Protein backbone atom coordinates (compact mmCIF):
# COMPACT_ATOMS: atom_id res chain seq x y z
CA GLY A 1 6.04 -4.53 36.71
CA PHE A 2 8.09 -8.04 36.12
CA GLY A 3 9.78 -10.80 38.12
CA ALA A 4 13.20 -10.79 37.91
CA VAL A 5 14.62 -14.80 37.88
CA SER A 6 18.44 -13.77 37.11
CA MET A 7 20.83 -10.94 37.53
CA THR A 8 24.29 -9.86 37.39
CA ILE A 9 25.97 -6.41 37.93
CA ASP A 10 29.16 -5.15 34.82
CA ASN A 11 32.17 -4.01 35.43
CA TYR A 12 30.50 -0.78 34.04
CA ASP A 13 28.25 -0.51 37.13
CA GLN A 14 25.30 -1.65 35.06
CA LEU A 15 22.33 -4.26 36.27
CA TRP A 16 21.46 -6.56 33.77
CA LEU A 17 18.07 -8.50 34.93
CA GLY A 18 16.62 -11.56 33.53
CA THR A 19 12.46 -11.35 33.96
CA ASN A 20 9.76 -13.17 32.96
CA LYS A 21 8.97 -10.18 30.41
CA GLY A 22 12.73 -10.51 29.20
CA LEU A 23 16.07 -8.36 29.53
CA TYR A 24 16.24 -5.51 31.09
CA ILE A 25 19.38 -3.03 32.18
CA VAL A 26 19.64 -0.30 35.03
CA HIS A 27 22.12 2.22 34.47
CA ASP A 28 24.74 3.18 37.61
CA ILE A 29 22.97 0.90 40.07
CA SER A 30 25.61 2.16 42.36
CA ASP A 31 23.66 5.42 42.91
CA PHE A 32 20.22 3.61 42.90
CA ASP A 33 18.64 4.44 45.93
CA ILE A 34 16.39 1.71 47.09
CA TYR A 35 14.31 3.22 49.69
CA ASN A 36 13.28 6.02 47.69
CA ASN A 37 13.44 4.94 43.58
CA ASN A 38 11.28 2.37 42.15
CA ILE A 39 13.69 -0.43 40.12
CA PHE A 40 10.34 -0.39 37.76
CA SER A 41 11.05 3.08 36.79
CA TYR A 42 14.75 2.87 36.30
CA ALA A 43 14.95 -0.40 33.87
CA GLN A 44 15.00 -0.57 30.53
CA TYR A 45 13.91 -3.01 28.07
CA VAL A 46 16.55 -4.76 26.15
CA ASN A 47 15.26 -6.01 22.55
CA LEU A 48 16.68 -9.15 21.72
CA PRO A 49 17.07 -9.78 17.83
CA ASP A 50 14.04 -11.55 17.20
CA ASN A 51 11.93 -9.28 19.66
CA ASP A 52 11.42 -12.46 22.01
CA LYS A 53 10.05 -11.66 25.49
CA SER A 54 10.30 -15.22 26.84
CA TYR A 55 11.82 -15.73 30.38
CA VAL A 56 15.43 -15.02 31.17
CA PHE A 57 16.46 -17.95 32.97
CA SER A 58 20.72 -17.28 33.29
CA ILE A 59 22.66 -14.48 32.89
CA LYS A 60 26.81 -14.85 33.11
CA LYS A 61 29.78 -12.57 32.51
CA VAL A 62 32.35 -14.15 30.78
CA LYS A 63 35.50 -12.31 29.69
CA ASN A 64 34.19 -8.99 28.40
CA LYS A 65 31.31 -10.45 26.93
CA LEU A 66 27.47 -10.83 28.73
CA VAL A 67 25.75 -14.48 28.37
CA VAL A 68 22.02 -14.20 28.60
CA ALA A 69 20.11 -17.40 28.08
CA ASN A 70 15.99 -17.68 27.94
CA ALA A 71 13.59 -20.36 26.56
CA LYS A 72 14.47 -20.07 23.13
CA SER A 73 17.98 -18.98 22.79
CA ILE A 74 21.51 -18.02 23.54
CA ASN A 75 22.25 -14.18 23.37
CA ILE A 76 25.88 -13.21 23.47
CA ILE A 77 26.28 -9.03 24.32
CA PRO A 78 29.46 -6.92 24.52
CA LEU A 79 30.10 -5.41 27.44
CA ARG A 80 30.69 -1.64 27.76
CA LYS A 81 28.89 1.57 29.37
CA TYR A 82 26.03 1.77 27.16
CA PRO A 83 23.75 5.01 26.91
CA LEU A 84 20.76 5.66 28.78
CA ASN A 85 18.57 5.66 25.14
CA LEU A 86 19.55 2.32 24.33
CA LYS A 87 19.61 1.48 20.94
CA ASN A 88 20.95 -0.87 18.22
CA VAL A 89 22.83 -2.97 20.46
CA GLU A 90 24.88 -5.43 18.97
CA ILE A 91 23.53 -9.02 19.70
CA ASN A 92 24.71 -12.59 18.48
CA GLN A 93 21.94 -15.01 19.21
CA LEU A 94 22.24 -18.78 18.92
CA LYS A 95 19.13 -20.47 18.75
CA TYR A 96 17.91 -23.64 20.02
CA GLY A 97 17.18 -26.22 17.44
CA PHE A 98 18.37 -24.02 14.50
CA ASP A 99 21.99 -22.84 15.63
CA ILE A 100 22.73 -25.19 18.31
CA ASN A 101 20.96 -28.53 20.01
CA GLY A 102 18.72 -28.14 22.71
CA GLU A 103 15.81 -26.47 24.34
CA MET A 104 14.89 -24.07 27.05
CA THR A 105 17.76 -23.01 29.34
CA GLU A 106 17.53 -23.79 32.91
CA GLN A 107 17.52 -21.11 35.91
CA ASN A 108 20.65 -20.10 36.71
CA ALA A 109 22.53 -22.80 34.88
CA ILE A 110 25.29 -20.99 33.33
CA TYR A 111 29.15 -22.16 34.33
CA PHE A 112 32.60 -20.84 32.71
CA ASP A 113 35.27 -23.07 33.50
CA GLU A 114 39.12 -22.69 33.63
CA ALA A 115 39.36 -24.33 30.10
CA GLU A 116 37.22 -21.50 28.93
CA TYR A 117 34.71 -23.78 27.81
CA LEU A 118 30.88 -22.46 28.47
CA TRP A 119 28.43 -24.64 30.13
CA VAL A 120 24.65 -24.36 29.67
CA GLY A 121 22.16 -26.30 31.46
CA VAL A 122 18.96 -26.78 29.37
CA ARG A 123 15.77 -28.93 29.75
CA SER A 124 17.56 -31.80 27.96
CA GLY A 125 21.15 -32.07 29.05
CA ILE A 126 24.19 -29.87 29.24
CA LEU A 127 25.49 -27.95 26.28
CA ARG A 128 29.15 -27.06 26.16
CA ILE A 129 30.56 -24.30 24.02
CA ASP A 130 34.31 -23.80 23.17
CA PHE A 131 33.77 -19.69 23.98
CA ASP A 132 37.35 -19.29 22.11
CA MET A 133 36.53 -21.19 19.23
CA LEU A 134 32.98 -19.06 18.60
CA ARG A 135 33.34 -16.91 15.71
CA MET A 136 30.11 -14.18 15.09
CA ASP A 137 28.71 -13.26 11.86
CA THR A 138 30.11 -9.86 11.11
CA THR A 139 29.70 -9.47 7.14
CA ASP A 140 27.49 -6.86 5.98
CA VAL A 141 23.77 -6.64 4.59
CA GLU A 142 23.32 -5.23 1.49
CA LEU A 143 19.02 -5.43 0.57
CA LYS A 144 17.85 -5.70 -3.10
CA PHE A 145 14.76 -6.22 -4.55
CA ASP A 146 13.17 -9.64 -6.15
CA TYR A 147 9.95 -7.78 -7.68
CA ILE A 148 7.71 -5.38 -7.09
CA LYS A 149 4.10 -6.39 -8.09
CA ASN A 150 0.95 -3.78 -8.32
CA GLY A 151 -2.27 -5.97 -8.72
CA GLY A 152 0.28 -9.24 -10.58
CA LEU A 153 1.59 -6.61 -12.69
CA ASP A 154 5.28 -5.73 -12.32
CA LEU A 155 6.70 -2.38 -11.53
CA LYS A 156 9.87 -0.71 -12.00
CA LEU A 157 11.91 2.00 -9.93
CA ASN A 158 12.01 5.57 -11.07
CA ASP A 159 14.45 7.41 -8.58
CA ASN A 160 13.10 5.15 -5.49
CA SER A 161 9.35 5.75 -6.46
CA ILE A 162 7.14 3.55 -8.37
CA ARG A 163 3.65 4.72 -9.21
CA LEU A 164 0.15 2.39 -8.93
CA ASP A 165 -2.35 1.67 -11.27
CA PRO A 166 -4.98 3.40 -10.21
CA LEU A 167 -7.52 0.63 -10.71
CA ARG A 168 -5.23 -1.52 -9.06
CA ARG A 169 -4.28 -0.69 -5.28
CA ASN A 170 -2.54 -3.34 -3.77
CA LEU A 171 0.85 -3.61 -3.80
CA HIS A 172 3.32 -6.94 -2.70
CA ILE A 173 6.92 -6.45 -2.24
CA ALA A 174 9.72 -8.98 -2.09
CA ILE A 175 13.36 -8.82 -1.00
CA SER A 176 16.43 -10.60 -0.25
CA PRO A 177 19.64 -9.68 1.10
CA GLU A 178 23.29 -10.20 -0.68
CA ARG A 179 24.96 -12.64 1.97
CA ASN A 180 26.90 -15.70 2.08
CA LYS A 181 24.32 -18.66 1.47
CA TYR A 182 26.32 -20.62 4.11
CA LEU A 183 25.93 -18.27 7.04
CA LYS A 184 23.17 -19.19 9.54
CA ASN A 185 19.90 -16.79 8.56
CA ASN A 186 20.69 -14.33 11.30
CA ILE A 187 18.86 -11.01 9.36
CA LEU A 188 15.66 -9.88 10.37
CA TYR A 189 13.33 -7.64 8.58
CA GLU A 190 11.31 -4.56 9.47
CA TYR A 191 8.78 -3.02 7.22
CA ILE A 192 7.17 0.60 7.79
CA LEU A 193 4.49 2.06 5.74
CA THR A 194 3.35 5.89 6.91
CA ASN A 195 1.16 8.10 4.83
CA LYS A 196 1.89 11.88 3.63
CA GLY A 197 0.58 12.82 6.81
CA GLY A 198 3.00 10.72 9.02
CA ASP A 199 0.58 7.92 10.16
CA THR A 200 1.82 4.81 10.34
CA ILE A 201 -0.47 2.36 7.89
CA LEU A 202 1.47 -0.70 8.73
CA ASN A 203 4.20 -1.65 10.83
CA HIS A 204 5.66 -5.39 10.69
CA GLY A 205 8.12 -5.81 13.65
CA ARG A 206 11.53 -7.79 12.69
CA THR A 207 10.37 -10.58 11.15
CA LEU A 208 12.32 -13.62 9.18
CA ILE A 209 9.99 -12.75 6.47
CA LYS A 210 11.45 -11.61 3.22
CA SER A 211 7.95 -10.01 1.69
CA ILE A 212 5.37 -7.67 2.19
CA GLU A 213 1.70 -7.06 0.73
CA THR A 214 0.18 -3.75 1.37
CA GLY A 215 -3.41 -4.48 0.78
CA TYR A 216 -6.06 -1.58 -0.59
CA LEU A 217 -4.42 1.65 -0.32
CA ASN A 218 -6.37 4.93 -0.67
CA PRO A 219 -5.16 7.77 -3.04
CA GLY A 220 -2.32 9.66 -2.06
CA ASN A 221 1.62 9.59 -1.14
CA TYR A 222 3.31 7.09 0.89
CA ASN A 223 6.78 6.16 2.29
CA LEU A 224 7.70 2.79 2.92
CA LYS A 225 10.93 1.50 4.92
CA LEU A 226 12.75 -1.57 4.51
CA ILE A 227 15.26 -2.12 7.21
CA ALA A 228 17.18 -4.98 7.52
CA TYR A 229 18.79 -6.05 11.04
CA LYS A 230 21.87 -8.14 11.91
CA ASN A 231 22.89 -9.15 15.73
CA GLY A 232 20.55 -6.81 17.22
CA LYS A 233 21.93 -3.86 14.96
CA GLU A 234 20.42 -1.97 11.43
CA LYS A 235 22.66 -3.22 8.93
CA ASP A 236 20.76 -1.72 5.73
CA LYS A 237 17.69 0.31 4.95
CA LYS A 238 15.87 1.14 1.70
CA GLU A 239 13.02 3.78 1.04
CA LEU A 240 10.35 3.50 -1.46
CA ASN A 241 8.05 6.49 -2.44
CA ILE A 242 4.89 5.05 -3.23
CA ILE A 243 2.20 7.37 -5.57
CA VAL A 244 -1.28 6.05 -5.71
CA PRO A 245 -2.96 8.56 -8.30
CA TYR A 246 -6.76 8.91 -8.29
CA THR A 247 -9.27 7.66 -10.91
CA PHE A 248 -10.96 9.79 -13.05
CA LEU A 249 -14.39 9.74 -10.62
CA GLU A 250 -12.09 10.40 -7.54
CA ASN A 251 -10.03 13.09 -8.90
CA PRO A 252 -10.64 16.59 -7.41
CA LEU A 253 -10.79 18.44 -11.00
CA THR A 254 -13.82 15.94 -11.94
CA LEU A 255 -16.51 18.47 -9.96
CA PRO A 256 -15.65 21.64 -11.68
CA LEU A 257 -15.41 20.04 -15.11
CA GLY A 258 -18.42 18.30 -14.69
CA ILE A 259 -20.46 21.66 -13.91
CA SER A 260 -18.58 23.22 -17.08
CA PHE A 261 -20.34 20.36 -18.83
CA SER A 262 -23.56 20.79 -17.30
CA LEU A 263 -23.39 24.64 -17.77
CA PHE A 264 -22.65 23.92 -21.40
CA ALA A 265 -25.41 21.36 -21.84
CA ILE A 266 -27.72 23.44 -20.52
CA SER A 267 -26.85 26.39 -22.65
CA MET A 268 -26.99 24.73 -25.49
CA ILE A 269 -30.33 23.43 -24.91
CA LEU A 270 -31.94 27.01 -24.54
CA PHE A 271 -29.97 28.25 -27.55
CA TYR A 272 -31.26 25.69 -29.76
CA ARG A 273 -34.93 26.02 -28.45
CA LYS A 274 -34.59 29.43 -29.19
CA GLU A 275 -33.67 28.74 -32.84
CA GLN A 276 -36.38 26.32 -33.12
CA ASN A 277 -39.26 28.92 -32.01
CA LYS A 278 -38.00 30.91 -35.21
CA LYS A 279 -38.17 28.17 -37.51
CA MET A 280 -39.51 24.59 -36.99
CA ALA A 281 -36.98 23.05 -39.54
CA ARG A 282 -34.09 23.21 -37.25
CA LYS A 283 -36.01 21.21 -34.46
CA ASN A 284 -34.14 18.30 -35.97
CA LEU A 285 -30.91 19.57 -35.58
CA PHE A 286 -31.67 20.96 -31.89
CA LEU A 287 -32.79 17.45 -30.59
CA GLU A 288 -29.34 16.02 -32.43
CA LYS A 289 -27.50 18.16 -30.29
CA ILE A 290 -29.53 17.11 -27.44
CA LYS A 291 -28.38 13.47 -28.32
CA ASN A 292 -24.98 14.26 -28.64
CA GLU A 293 -24.68 16.18 -25.54
CA LYS A 294 -26.56 13.54 -23.74
CA GLU A 295 -24.01 10.92 -25.13
CA GLN A 296 -20.98 13.13 -23.99
CA LEU A 297 -22.57 13.39 -20.31
CA LYS A 298 -23.29 9.95 -19.77
CA VAL A 299 -19.68 8.61 -19.56
CA GLN A 300 -18.00 11.72 -18.96
CA ALA A 301 -19.98 13.76 -16.75
CA ILE A 302 -23.27 11.71 -15.49
CA LEU A 303 -20.82 9.33 -13.58
CA ASN A 304 -18.75 12.01 -11.61
CA ASN A 305 -19.05 13.52 -8.41
CA PHE A 306 -20.54 16.63 -9.57
CA ASN A 307 -23.74 18.06 -7.64
CA PRO A 308 -26.99 16.45 -9.10
CA HIS A 309 -29.14 18.96 -7.22
CA PHE A 310 -27.69 22.10 -9.78
CA ILE A 311 -28.69 20.09 -12.90
CA ASN A 312 -31.63 19.32 -11.37
CA ASN A 313 -32.69 22.47 -11.12
CA SER A 314 -31.47 23.84 -14.04
CA LEU A 315 -33.74 21.21 -15.84
CA ASN A 316 -36.57 21.98 -13.85
CA TRP A 317 -36.02 25.57 -14.53
CA VAL A 318 -36.18 24.53 -18.36
CA GLN A 319 -39.28 22.45 -17.76
CA ALA A 320 -41.09 25.93 -16.48
CA ARG A 321 -39.83 28.23 -19.35
CA TYR A 322 -40.97 26.00 -21.87
CA TYR A 323 -43.78 24.07 -20.30
CA GLU A 324 -46.35 24.79 -23.44
CA ASP A 325 -43.98 22.37 -25.17
CA GLN A 326 -45.24 19.49 -23.90
CA ASP A 327 -42.89 17.24 -25.72
CA MET A 328 -39.86 18.93 -24.62
CA THR A 329 -41.33 18.53 -21.15
CA LYS A 330 -41.85 15.24 -21.00
CA MET A 331 -38.06 14.64 -22.72
CA ILE A 332 -36.11 16.96 -19.87
CA GLY A 333 -38.35 15.19 -17.42
CA ARG A 334 -37.53 11.53 -18.25
CA LEU A 335 -33.48 12.45 -18.63
CA SER A 336 -33.83 14.40 -15.68
CA GLU A 337 -35.11 11.19 -13.71
CA ASN A 338 -32.25 9.16 -15.22
CA ILE A 339 -29.44 11.78 -14.39
CA ASN A 340 -30.86 12.27 -10.85
CA TYR A 341 -31.30 8.02 -10.03
CA ILE A 342 -27.73 7.50 -11.65
CA PHE A 343 -26.41 10.34 -9.52
CA ASN A 344 -27.79 9.22 -6.12
CA LYS A 345 -26.42 5.62 -7.09
CA THR A 346 -22.63 7.15 -7.41
CA GLN A 347 -22.75 9.32 -4.44
CA LYS A 348 -23.63 6.40 -2.40
CA THR A 349 -20.66 4.35 -4.06
CA GLN A 350 -23.67 1.65 -5.26
CA THR A 351 -22.35 0.55 -8.54
CA PHE A 352 -25.46 -1.91 -8.94
CA HIS A 353 -28.96 -2.42 -8.67
CA SER A 354 -31.65 -4.84 -9.72
CA LEU A 355 -32.94 -5.50 -13.46
CA LYS A 356 -36.14 -4.25 -12.87
CA GLU A 357 -34.44 -0.83 -11.91
CA GLU A 358 -32.78 -0.85 -15.03
CA PHE A 359 -35.67 -1.48 -17.12
CA HIS A 360 -37.04 1.90 -15.60
CA LEU A 361 -33.83 3.56 -16.85
CA ILE A 362 -34.45 1.98 -20.52
CA ASN A 363 -38.26 2.52 -20.59
CA ASN A 364 -37.27 6.20 -19.75
CA TYR A 365 -34.59 6.16 -22.64
CA ILE A 366 -37.00 4.89 -24.95
CA GLU A 367 -39.65 7.05 -24.50
CA ILE A 368 -36.90 10.00 -24.93
CA GLN A 369 -35.98 8.46 -28.68
CA LYS A 370 -39.67 8.06 -29.38
CA LEU A 371 -40.08 12.01 -28.70
CA ARG A 372 -37.00 12.59 -30.84
CA PHE A 373 -37.59 9.90 -33.57
CA GLY A 374 -41.78 9.39 -33.53
CA GLN A 375 -43.78 6.68 -31.65
CA ASP A 376 -43.68 3.82 -34.34
CA ASN A 377 -40.11 4.02 -34.73
CA ILE A 378 -38.87 1.95 -31.86
CA ASN A 379 -40.74 -1.20 -30.60
CA LEU A 380 -39.38 -2.48 -27.43
CA GLN A 381 -40.23 -6.29 -26.08
CA LYS A 382 -39.07 -7.33 -22.65
CA PRO A 383 -39.96 -9.40 -19.97
CA GLU A 384 -42.35 -7.92 -17.27
CA ASP A 385 -42.02 -10.68 -14.70
CA ASP A 386 -41.30 -8.55 -11.40
CA ASP A 387 -40.20 -11.78 -9.34
CA ILE A 388 -37.31 -12.28 -12.04
CA LEU A 389 -36.40 -8.85 -12.28
CA HIS A 390 -35.95 -8.27 -8.62
CA LYS A 391 -33.73 -11.23 -8.04
CA ILE A 392 -31.30 -10.28 -10.60
CA ASP A 393 -28.28 -7.59 -9.82
CA VAL A 394 -26.81 -5.96 -12.44
CA ILE A 395 -24.48 -2.84 -12.97
CA VAL A 396 -25.57 0.58 -13.53
CA MET A 397 -26.41 1.39 -17.19
CA GLN A 398 -24.96 -2.41 -18.20
CA VAL A 399 -28.11 -3.02 -20.06
CA LEU A 400 -28.81 0.33 -21.21
CA ILE A 401 -25.59 0.99 -22.68
CA HIS A 402 -26.54 -2.13 -25.17
CA VAL A 403 -30.21 -0.25 -25.98
CA GLU A 404 -28.40 2.54 -26.95
CA ASN A 405 -25.80 1.07 -29.30
CA ALA A 406 -28.76 -0.78 -30.60
CA VAL A 407 -30.94 2.58 -31.29
CA GLU A 408 -27.90 5.06 -32.27
CA HIS A 409 -25.99 2.36 -34.06
CA GLY A 410 -28.28 -0.36 -35.58
CA LEU A 411 -32.18 1.12 -35.65
CA ARG A 412 -30.58 4.47 -37.03
CA ASN A 413 -28.52 3.13 -39.66
CA ARG A 414 -31.17 0.61 -41.17
CA ALA A 415 -34.48 1.73 -43.01
CA GLY A 416 -37.64 0.00 -41.57
CA SER A 417 -35.57 -1.31 -38.51
CA ASN A 418 -37.67 -0.68 -35.54
CA GLN A 419 -37.67 -4.02 -32.78
CA ILE A 420 -35.49 -4.20 -29.90
CA ILE A 421 -36.07 -7.49 -27.94
CA ILE A 422 -34.51 -8.02 -24.53
CA LYS A 423 -35.02 -11.92 -23.18
CA ILE A 424 -34.08 -13.51 -19.76
CA ASN A 425 -32.81 -17.28 -19.88
CA GLU A 426 -30.88 -19.00 -17.11
CA ASP A 427 -29.17 -22.48 -16.11
CA GLU A 428 -27.71 -23.91 -13.01
CA LYS A 429 -24.78 -21.20 -12.83
CA TYR A 430 -26.00 -17.80 -14.94
CA TYR A 431 -28.79 -15.37 -15.89
CA TYR A 432 -28.49 -14.76 -19.63
CA ILE A 433 -29.77 -11.25 -20.79
CA VAL A 434 -30.36 -11.42 -24.31
CA ILE A 435 -30.58 -8.27 -26.35
CA ILE A 436 -31.65 -8.70 -30.03
CA ASP A 437 -32.22 -5.63 -32.47
CA ASP A 438 -32.78 -5.62 -36.23
CA GLY A 439 -31.00 -2.46 -37.02
CA ALA A 440 -27.83 -2.23 -39.30
CA GLY A 441 -25.42 -4.71 -37.33
CA ARG A 442 -21.94 -4.03 -35.73
CA LYS A 443 -20.34 -4.23 -39.11
CA ARG A 444 -22.00 -1.96 -40.95
CA ALA A 445 -21.99 0.50 -38.32
CA LYS A 446 -18.05 0.67 -38.56
CA GLU A 447 -18.79 0.78 -42.26
CA ILE A 448 -20.55 4.03 -42.43
CA GLY A 449 -18.52 5.64 -39.29
CA SER A 450 -20.86 5.70 -36.82
CA LYS A 451 -19.67 7.21 -33.95
CA GLY A 452 -19.46 6.64 -30.43
CA LEU A 453 -19.67 2.96 -30.89
CA GLN A 454 -17.10 1.52 -28.33
CA SER A 455 -17.23 4.44 -25.66
CA GLY A 456 -19.94 2.67 -23.58
CA LEU A 457 -18.63 -0.67 -24.21
CA ASN A 458 -15.61 0.18 -22.83
CA MET A 459 -16.73 2.18 -19.96
CA LEU A 460 -18.16 -1.28 -19.41
CA LYS A 461 -14.95 -3.45 -19.98
CA SER A 462 -13.12 -1.47 -17.28
CA ILE A 463 -16.23 -2.06 -14.75
CA TYR A 464 -15.84 -6.00 -15.89
CA SER A 465 -12.24 -6.05 -15.19
CA ILE A 466 -12.44 -4.81 -11.93
CA TYR A 467 -15.62 -6.99 -10.39
CA ASN A 468 -14.05 -10.06 -12.23
CA ALA A 469 -10.65 -9.38 -10.62
CA ASN A 470 -12.32 -10.41 -6.88
CA PRO A 471 -10.96 -14.07 -6.53
CA ASN A 472 -14.37 -14.83 -4.36
CA ASN A 473 -16.05 -14.30 -7.74
CA ARG A 474 -15.83 -18.01 -9.37
CA TYR A 475 -17.97 -17.32 -12.45
CA LYS A 476 -17.02 -13.93 -14.31
CA ILE A 477 -19.55 -11.34 -15.98
CA LYS A 478 -18.90 -12.03 -19.87
CA THR A 479 -20.40 -10.64 -23.15
CA GLN A 480 -20.64 -12.70 -26.27
CA TYR A 481 -21.95 -10.75 -29.72
CA ILE A 482 -23.71 -12.36 -32.95
CA ASP A 483 -23.66 -10.65 -35.56
CA ASP A 484 -25.88 -10.80 -38.95
CA ILE A 485 -28.34 -12.78 -37.30
CA PHE A 486 -31.26 -12.37 -39.72
CA THR A 487 -31.15 -12.47 -43.73
CA TYR A 488 -33.80 -10.60 -46.32
CA ARG A 489 -33.02 -10.01 -49.83
CA ASN A 490 -29.57 -11.12 -49.45
CA GLU A 491 -28.78 -8.36 -46.96
CA LYS A 492 -27.35 -9.20 -43.47
CA PHE A 493 -28.46 -7.34 -40.28
CA GLY A 494 -29.45 -7.28 -36.85
CA THR A 495 -27.18 -8.01 -33.43
CA LYS A 496 -27.78 -10.35 -30.52
CA VAL A 497 -26.03 -9.28 -27.30
CA ILE A 498 -25.32 -12.02 -24.52
CA LEU A 499 -24.82 -10.86 -21.28
CA SER A 500 -23.81 -13.74 -18.93
CA ILE A 501 -24.33 -13.24 -15.07
CA PRO A 502 -23.31 -15.37 -12.28
CA LYS A 503 -26.40 -16.20 -9.89
CA GLU A 504 -23.46 -16.19 -7.08
CA TYR A 505 -21.50 -12.52 -7.88
CA ILE A 506 -19.95 -9.99 -5.64
CA PHE A 507 -20.02 -6.46 -6.41
CA ASP A 508 -17.31 -5.42 -4.41
CA ILE A 509 -13.18 -4.55 -4.97
CA ASN A 510 -12.21 -4.41 -1.45
CA PHE A 511 -10.95 -7.91 -1.53
């Protein structure tokens, strides 16, 4: 219900009620049965231009208009027979402190004299308005876009559609009307964002704010309506179709593609194992194929959302089939453990873990390489202090990828090299993880065409860019390379990689 403090009946048999909850109208008041009907059920709310629901203290018929004065403004409404479904009522509004002087209309304090002056009693005195000289703004409004930004990058409209970057899910739009700057600012804006199913994601009612920021949007199609109102009536409307694409890991096609990759990998293992039984000389070729398949799966399949149980069951079957080959059993066991661990992380959307857990992945990888090339071909030295290893968080495979590069593109491309050293340093702001190898070096690896040098590093760069964009991360993850750190008989070789991990860092993209 509501409490009426002012009222009047116009020439169209409509009762206007000024209440403690805004302005209401009752149609065909002469037919209203006060004994059997409830006035609250028949009264219809009239939305003022700025959604103002403050006390309406005074109502007065003046010529062919209705003057409605509340705590914040004087509103002038053309009188006519209004439909029961009351929408888009033209209301000219004069705001106290902006368009006219004064504040807070007094109750039932409107008078229209013979000289056709409108007098309004306000808290600070009396206002006199020359009603005949009062000219309302009737100009049209046309909306235009000032800019459309996606994660700070400008977007361009294409047939009223925009496509977001899959790694940047927020949208910032600024609009402005084509208008006479000398007229009063009486344009209000409404923003309505819905998804493909019609659910309302965002609804900003009529406001003077000429911009909107959506925040994070899930993949899918959205519709954004931007509506301009003047004097309570809709004057212009723009609609945008917003497309938020899937990332590679979110794409529904990732599952069947991942299964296809896994089937291919298993079939290749079985095929080359059969060839190895026929001729031991083909063992090296078989192991090389295993390595190639692992490198492909690492980026393109292991981090995808296909079922880890299928792969683990398949690898267990291979282990059972070739249980007499201890090296093969150990190799597949180590590989299966790493795959299962990474899958469990991705299934839980956990992209980081402790350095202790990262070192366990590295240990498995090094043991696989020793089975391939011999125990003496790789000598890994790393810290063993569990306290510091549990304290430092890193992105999954952040250190492993650099160790893999050291083996595949460093040690394997220089005869006699076998050293990989991992050190941990720190200062007030950062932990520094240093990876040193005595391999051929990055320059030499590129010269001889070592393949896959950048694939894992590019994946890390993409992940860094996501997390470093979080404004709460004052200090950023960084990577530094120092080439040719050793010299022997005029030969320069070796690489040092320094990973700078901030001590205070948030692994989160929802900001």
